[in-house]
Amino acid sequence: MGAEAGFPGPPFDFGFCISEILKDPASYDAVLRRYGQYTINQEGSTKVPERPPFDRSSSQDSLDESMEAYWTELENIKRSNENRQEGQEAIVVKEPDEGELEEEWLKEAGLSNLFGESIDDPQESILFLSTLTRTQAAAVQKRVETVSQTLRKKNKQHHIRDVRDIFAQQREAQEKPPDDSDLRSVRTNENKGQGKDDQPSSGAVDSKEQISRVPEDTPASETDINLEVSFAEQAVNQKEFSKERTQKISGNDSLPSFRLPKDKTGTTRIGDLAPQDMKKVCSLSLIELTALYDVLGLEFKQQKAVKIKTRDSGLFGIPLTILLEQDQRKVPGTRIPLIFQKLISRIEEGSLETEGLLRIPGAAMRIKNLCQELEAKFYEGTFNWESVKQHDAASLLKLFLRELPQPLLSMEYLKAFQAVQNLPTRKEQLQALNLLVILLPDANRDTLKALLEFLQRVIDNKEKNKMTAGNVAMVMAPNLFMCHTLGLKSSEQREFEMAAGTANVMHLLIRYQKILWTIPKFIVIQVRKQNIENQKKERKAMKKLLKKMAYDREKHEKQDKTANGADVPQGVIRVQAPHLSKVSMAIQLTEELKASDVLARFLSQESGVAQTLKKGEVFLYEIGGNIGERCLDDDTHMKDLYQLNPNAEWVIKSKPV
């Protein structure tokens, strides 16, 4: 393909260029001439229509290649729509009725008790509301009001309670003085770490001093990403602190370097919490994401998932959950589809330094034949992987993603992922992506993680393979964001918009993947508060029964003390390790003691071979008290965590598969 060299011009502002073209597509040539950019010579080529360059890479030489790669991928998707296998029906997306999405939103947020037949006993929801921040509570109230108005219009025979009554009860519950030492310890440690930012919704928010004043998109230095304060509250405070939020993100800016500040109570990552607590995390993340969009004046709407007919066996065009069920019969505990793992492995068996990796497609007829052969022979173990060339494996990997009946980023949140590009700052884009990753179903999230890690390994070899982060994002974006089963027809202008925006979001996913799999501390704190409130409720309900069982309980507690030895002295924790040689150990808490130190003491008691095997296989857990179960990272300071959760037990064990 030929290219005409551009004349020297002013620095290329990608974002401004795109916005000018979107306002007036006819200005395309003028805008490009102004910036001295390349234009594509289309002689002898009918495959790729002339379109404006969307590459975010600063390399002028790679501009043509990355742009052509995006449109080539787009053409592949269109062809796959035309030649789709039977059983992969296009989804007919019906616009939901008024209030329907809000009703679904409240159910997902765990707040179905705020409307409908169960509203007569909203105590559980009131407890939940008492743990929310001001902006989170405002987001909930807005949706409850919409649902209530809709139900009244439809004359449904539900008891429609005035939403103000519910939130009035919530405020009354918050005004009662705390009577639980656990709750006080959570609040004390929370305030110690973050000031007043994340107080319950009835309190005023005053955290301007906590907000970083470093410019948002300064690539020269690292910026701490604040996970201790609600993202929506940070956005409110930033708006109050600076009215100049209209500055657009410049397309040719380098992405800022965000880092996670050290948290003495430990960083919590996805997979560290017990399922019952993770469910609370997801509910809170949905509320927080909605609150963030509300504060920034953007509309957040989930896409309602629609069930479609799909094949119930095979490899391509199979729902992830069904594919994993098949795989787990072969390899128990598998969390990422075996075919997906094998394709990545095959690509990496060739050199990751191969120029144009992921961009250069395999031969179409060969790919079609390989698909058919894989479908027939993969699970039998008779498929000849030596016949699969590296570029063929890359094409099959992308085809696997495109052919998923519902997108890897999920039908519910695909539009929300796309809308991240509309958030005003890089920090807020990162915060929204963090919450969206948490909200993904487990199978989608695990597969996405494996994909992003692989893409980063490709980018690490960019000096040889010429695939920069911008180029990889441009190539992969259509495969994740263009859901073929939706059967949507896009205008030329819409395709321009998609090219720019989705490639940007794809770039963010790759660049910040280590941060995106972190659960914000303020959400973990809210989970602890919810657990404490639920425990208080349960204790009240069981009070009479416990009185009757007082004798038995005292006897049981005495037996426990005898089994565990003498009472543990102040400032000492007893750590249990039922699967190690040393099954229990009393450990003195100090300011410097970390979770890694506790593990090291136990593992030093093992024999040489066993000690080597156990490293990285066992972890220290915080169990009970105000958390269900939490795997601790090595840098957790035990004394700080003990003060946050003094009633926890400490157990060394392996992570569940």
Foldseek 3Di string as FASTA:
>chain_A
DDKDFFDAAPQDFLVVLLVVCLVPVVCNVVSCNRHRAMWDDCPPHDQADTDHFQFLDSDRVCRVLLRRLLSVLVVVLVVCLVVPDPQLAFDAFDDDDFLPQLCVLCVLLVNNCLWFANVVDRVLVLLLLLLAAQLLNVLNLVSLVRNLVVCVVVVDPGPRDDSVVSVVVSVVVNPDDDPDLLLVLLVVLLCVVQNQQTHRSVDDHDRLVRADPPDQQDAPDEAEQALSHQPLSSLVSVCVVDVPLPDADGSNGDGHHYDHDDDQQFFFFPQFADPVLLSNLLSVLSSSLSSNCVSQVHDDTWRDDDDGGHDQDFQALHALVSQVVVVCVVPPPDLARPLLVVLLVLLVVPPLLAACQLSDADDPVVLVVLRVVCRVCVVVVPDDSVVQDNRSSSNVNLNRQQSHSAHLLGRGCLVVLLCLLVRRGPSSSLSSLLSSLSNGPSSSNVNLLVVLVSVVVSCVSCVRHVQHLSSSLLNNQCSRRVHSSNVDDDDPSVVSSSSNRSSVSSSSCNVCVVVSRTRRPSSVSSLLSSLVSVVVVVCVVCVVVCVVCVVVVVVVVVVVCVVVDHDQDPQWAKEAECVAPPGIDIGGADQQDWQLNVVVVRLVPHDDVVSVVCVVFKFKWWDDQSGHIGTGDRSHRVVSNCSSGVPTHIYIDGRDD
